[in-house]
N, C-alpha and C. Protein backbone atom coordinates (compact mmCIF):
# COMPACT_ATOMS: atom_id res chain seq x y z
N MET A 1 -35.91 13.33 86.91
CA MET A 1 -37.51 13.63 86.88
C MET A 1 -37.75 14.35 85.62
N SER A 2 -39.23 14.85 85.19
CA SER A 2 -39.21 15.56 83.89
C SER A 2 -39.93 17.07 84.81
N PHE A 3 -40.10 17.83 83.76
CA PHE A 3 -40.38 19.01 84.29
C PHE A 3 -42.02 18.93 84.33
N GLN A 4 -42.37 17.94 83.80
CA GLN A 4 -44.32 18.01 83.71
C GLN A 4 -44.43 17.74 85.27
N HIS A 5 -43.38 16.67 86.20
CA HIS A 5 -43.68 15.85 87.21
C HIS A 5 -43.15 17.05 88.24
N GLN A 6 -42.56 18.37 88.10
CA GLN A 6 -42.41 19.09 89.23
C GLN A 6 -43.67 19.84 89.97
N PRO A 7 -44.45 20.29 89.46
CA PRO A 7 -45.41 21.00 90.28
C PRO A 7 -46.10 19.60 90.86
N LEU A 8 -46.62 18.75 90.56
CA LEU A 8 -47.09 17.45 91.44
C LEU A 8 -46.19 17.64 92.81
N ARG A 9 -45.37 17.49 92.20
CA ARG A 9 -43.91 16.96 93.64
C ARG A 9 -44.29 17.98 94.58
N SER A 10 -44.13 19.01 94.06
CA SER A 10 -44.87 20.21 94.84
C SER A 10 -45.62 20.32 96.14
N CYS A 11 -46.36 20.01 94.86
CA CYS A 11 -47.84 20.32 95.72
C CYS A 11 -47.82 19.02 97.09
N CYS A 12 -47.48 17.67 96.35
CA CYS A 12 -47.82 16.81 97.41
C CYS A 12 -46.70 16.98 98.88
N LEU A 13 -45.68 17.78 98.00
CA LEU A 13 -44.55 18.47 99.41
C LEU A 13 -45.36 18.92 100.25
N LEU A 14 -46.18 20.23 99.56
CA LEU A 14 -46.54 21.66 100.59
C LEU A 14 -48.21 20.44 101.18
N ALA A 15 -48.96 19.70 100.75
CA ALA A 15 -49.70 18.58 101.32
C ALA A 15 -49.29 18.28 102.49
N LEU A 16 -48.37 17.84 102.22
CA LEU A 16 -47.78 17.13 103.23
C LEU A 16 -47.53 17.76 104.95
N LEU A 17 -46.71 18.71 104.50
CA LEU A 17 -46.29 20.11 105.86
C LEU A 17 -47.48 20.27 105.65
N ALA A 18 -48.52 20.67 105.13
CA ALA A 18 -49.95 20.70 105.91
C ALA A 18 -50.56 19.93 106.79
N GLY A 19 -50.35 18.91 106.46
CA GLY A 19 -51.06 17.84 107.19
C GLY A 19 -50.09 17.65 108.79
N LEU A 20 -48.98 18.05 108.63
CA LEU A 20 -47.86 17.64 109.74
C LEU A 20 -48.45 19.00 110.45
N ALA A 21 -48.46 20.08 109.71
CA ALA A 21 -48.78 21.36 110.57
C ALA A 21 -50.16 21.08 111.55
N VAL A 22 -51.02 20.39 111.12
CA VAL A 22 -52.66 20.25 111.48
C VAL A 22 -52.34 19.72 113.47
N LEU A 23 -51.49 18.54 112.83
CA LEU A 23 -51.17 18.05 114.15
C LEU A 23 -50.70 18.81 115.07
N ALA A 24 -50.10 19.77 115.20
CA ALA A 24 -49.20 20.94 116.12
C ALA A 24 -50.53 21.97 116.12
N SER A 25 -51.46 22.32 115.21
CA SER A 25 -51.61 24.14 115.19
C SER A 25 -52.66 23.86 116.73
N ALA A 26 -53.71 22.88 116.99
CA ALA A 26 -54.21 23.45 118.54
C ALA A 26 -53.52 23.45 119.66
N GLN A 27 -51.78 23.00 119.30
CA GLN A 27 -51.49 23.01 120.86
C GLN A 27 -51.27 24.64 120.67
N THR A 28 -50.58 24.77 119.82
CA THR A 28 -49.84 26.41 119.10
C THR A 28 -51.61 27.24 119.42
N ALA A 29 -52.52 27.24 119.39
CA ALA A 29 -53.53 28.27 119.44
C ALA A 29 -53.75 27.96 120.62
N ALA A 30 -53.67 26.88 121.48
CA ALA A 30 -53.56 27.22 123.00
C ALA A 30 -53.07 27.88 123.75
N PHE A 31 -51.88 28.36 123.14
CA PHE A 31 -50.86 28.72 124.11
C PHE A 31 -50.88 30.20 123.39
N LEU A 32 -50.85 30.80 121.69
CA LEU A 32 -50.56 32.21 121.40
C LEU A 32 -51.30 32.81 120.45
N PRO A 33 -52.91 33.16 121.27
CA PRO A 33 -54.02 33.68 121.01
C PRO A 33 -53.82 34.87 120.58
N GLU A 34 -52.68 35.60 120.79
CA GLU A 34 -52.59 36.99 120.23
C GLU A 34 -51.64 37.21 118.77
N GLN A 35 -50.95 36.15 119.11
CA GLN A 35 -49.98 35.75 117.43
C GLN A 35 -51.10 35.11 116.63
N ASN A 36 -51.78 34.00 117.09
CA ASN A 36 -52.64 33.91 116.25
C ASN A 36 -53.36 34.66 115.48
N THR A 37 -54.17 35.55 116.32
CA THR A 37 -54.85 36.85 115.75
C THR A 37 -54.20 37.98 114.68
N GLU A 38 -52.71 37.75 115.46
CA GLU A 38 -52.14 38.94 114.38
C GLU A 38 -51.84 37.96 112.80
N ALA A 39 -51.09 37.09 112.87
CA ALA A 39 -51.14 35.73 111.81
C ALA A 39 -52.50 35.59 111.08
N GLU A 40 -53.88 35.67 111.69
CA GLU A 40 -54.52 35.96 110.35
C GLU A 40 -55.02 36.97 109.60
N ALA A 41 -54.58 37.76 110.46
CA ALA A 41 -54.66 39.36 109.85
C ALA A 41 -53.99 39.74 108.97
N HIS A 42 -52.56 39.47 108.94
CA HIS A 42 -51.73 38.69 107.58
C HIS A 42 -52.03 37.84 106.36
N ALA A 43 -52.41 36.89 107.13
CA ALA A 43 -53.05 36.34 106.53
C ALA A 43 -54.51 36.44 105.48
N GLU A 44 -55.09 36.59 106.07
CA GLU A 44 -56.68 37.99 105.05
C GLU A 44 -55.65 38.63 104.33
N ARG A 45 -54.63 39.39 104.76
CA ARG A 45 -54.69 40.23 103.71
C ARG A 45 -53.69 39.77 102.23
N GLY A 46 -53.07 38.71 102.92
CA GLY A 46 -52.44 38.08 101.75
C GLY A 46 -53.14 37.10 100.82
N PHE A 47 -54.40 36.73 101.24
CA PHE A 47 -55.33 36.30 100.13
C PHE A 47 -56.27 37.57 99.20
N ASP A 48 -56.46 38.61 100.43
CA ASP A 48 -56.77 39.81 99.59
C ASP A 48 -55.88 40.13 98.16
N PHE A 49 -54.81 40.30 98.73
CA PHE A 49 -53.97 40.37 97.81
C PHE A 49 -53.38 39.31 96.61
N ALA A 50 -53.84 38.14 96.94
CA ALA A 50 -53.67 37.51 96.17
C ALA A 50 -54.56 37.22 94.80
N ARG A 51 -55.89 37.47 95.30
CA ARG A 51 -57.23 37.67 94.47
C ARG A 51 -56.79 38.88 93.37
N ALA A 52 -56.34 40.14 94.10
CA ALA A 52 -56.36 41.08 93.19
C ALA A 52 -55.40 40.84 92.36
N GLY A 53 -54.29 39.68 92.58
CA GLY A 53 -53.33 39.39 91.72
C GLY A 53 -51.91 39.96 92.01
N GLU A 54 -51.94 40.92 93.49
CA GLU A 54 -50.44 41.33 93.41
C GLU A 54 -49.90 39.81 94.76
N LEU A 55 -49.29 39.32 93.87
CA LEU A 55 -48.95 38.10 94.35
C LEU A 55 -47.61 38.48 95.32
N GLU A 56 -46.86 39.27 94.72
CA GLU A 56 -45.47 39.38 95.58
C GLU A 56 -45.83 40.35 97.19
N LYS A 57 -47.15 41.33 97.43
CA LYS A 57 -47.88 41.30 98.40
C LYS A 57 -48.05 40.12 99.25
N ALA A 58 -48.77 39.09 98.20
CA ALA A 58 -49.48 38.41 98.65
C ALA A 58 -48.74 37.58 99.80
N GLU A 59 -47.26 37.06 99.00
CA GLU A 59 -46.31 36.32 99.23
C GLU A 59 -45.77 37.11 100.65
N ALA A 60 -45.67 38.46 100.60
CA ALA A 60 -44.94 38.77 102.03
C ALA A 60 -45.84 38.43 103.16
N GLU A 61 -47.42 38.94 102.91
CA GLU A 61 -48.17 39.27 103.72
C GLU A 61 -48.26 37.89 104.31
N MET A 62 -48.27 36.52 103.52
CA MET A 62 -48.23 35.35 104.16
C MET A 62 -46.85 34.47 104.66
N ARG A 63 -45.94 34.90 104.46
CA ARG A 63 -44.74 34.93 104.86
C ARG A 63 -44.80 35.11 106.49
N GLN A 64 -45.41 36.73 107.11
CA GLN A 64 -45.93 37.27 108.09
C GLN A 64 -46.12 36.38 108.76
N ALA A 65 -47.53 35.70 107.67
CA ALA A 65 -48.25 34.76 109.27
C ALA A 65 -48.06 33.99 109.50
N ALA A 66 -47.24 33.16 108.62
CA ALA A 66 -46.25 31.81 108.88
C ALA A 66 -45.22 31.85 109.69
N LYS A 67 -44.47 32.84 109.97
CA LYS A 67 -43.75 33.26 110.84
C LYS A 67 -44.41 33.37 112.50
N LEU A 68 -45.51 33.85 112.28
CA LEU A 68 -46.34 34.15 113.57
C LEU A 68 -47.08 32.82 114.06
N ALA A 69 -47.44 32.27 113.17
CA ALA A 69 -48.54 31.09 113.13
C ALA A 69 -47.93 29.73 111.98
N PRO A 70 -46.53 29.21 112.63
CA PRO A 70 -45.76 28.36 111.79
C PRO A 70 -46.61 27.10 111.51
N ALA A 71 -47.30 26.61 112.78
CA ALA A 71 -48.68 25.41 112.71
C ALA A 71 -49.52 25.39 112.12
N ASN A 72 -49.91 26.75 111.64
CA ASN A 72 -51.41 26.90 111.09
C ASN A 72 -51.54 26.36 109.59
N PRO A 73 -51.94 24.79 109.57
CA PRO A 73 -52.47 24.92 108.29
C PRO A 73 -53.15 25.56 107.52
N ASP A 74 -53.76 26.55 107.75
CA ASP A 74 -54.17 27.29 106.52
C ASP A 74 -53.51 28.58 105.96
N VAL A 75 -52.52 28.90 106.74
CA VAL A 75 -51.37 29.72 106.41
C VAL A 75 -50.33 29.03 105.50
N LEU A 76 -50.39 27.86 106.30
CA LEU A 76 -49.29 27.02 105.66
C LEU A 76 -49.55 26.81 103.57
N ALA A 77 -50.69 26.15 103.98
CA ALA A 77 -51.64 25.86 102.97
C ALA A 77 -51.36 27.16 101.69
N GLY A 78 -51.75 28.19 102.43
CA GLY A 78 -52.24 29.95 101.49
C GLY A 78 -50.89 30.17 101.14
N LEU A 79 -49.92 30.20 101.78
CA LEU A 79 -48.42 30.53 101.22
C LEU A 79 -48.39 29.64 100.30
N GLY A 80 -48.24 27.95 100.62
CA GLY A 80 -48.15 27.33 98.98
C GLY A 80 -48.88 27.84 97.87
N THR A 81 -49.62 27.97 97.68
CA THR A 81 -50.61 28.26 96.90
C THR A 81 -50.53 29.75 96.42
N VAL A 82 -49.79 30.52 97.08
CA VAL A 82 -49.17 32.07 96.43
C VAL A 82 -47.90 31.53 96.30
N LEU A 83 -47.17 31.03 96.23
CA LEU A 83 -45.58 30.38 95.99
C LEU A 83 -46.00 29.78 94.48
N ALA A 84 -46.93 28.75 94.59
CA ALA A 84 -47.10 27.76 93.31
C ALA A 84 -47.53 29.14 92.14
N GLN A 85 -48.45 30.03 92.57
CA GLN A 85 -48.89 30.88 91.39
C GLN A 85 -47.70 31.85 90.83
N GLU A 86 -46.98 32.00 91.38
CA GLU A 86 -45.98 32.58 91.71
C GLU A 86 -44.65 31.65 90.62
N GLY A 87 -45.10 30.14 90.67
CA GLY A 87 -43.80 29.53 89.71
C GLY A 87 -42.68 29.21 90.60
N LYS A 88 -42.67 29.46 92.39
CA LYS A 88 -41.86 29.33 92.72
C LYS A 88 -41.92 27.83 93.47
N THR A 89 -40.79 27.46 94.12
CA THR A 89 -41.27 26.06 94.41
C THR A 89 -40.36 25.83 96.09
């Protein structure tokens, strides 16, 4: 596979993972409301750091959010976006 197609492949994989997460997110939200609130707080901080260009801090916050709400598609998409911005796959 050529280097030019690697970002496309990563984006497709992230989209697939986010789609799968959508299927489980409603069930997770019903059982873990406190964790989801905490996850949302980490995700918001992560988005704030990303907008400020502080990608390492953004990644750390998004990873924490993903640990707390592993089936949340917004969290997974946010983490994938930050990783892509950092050039990680």
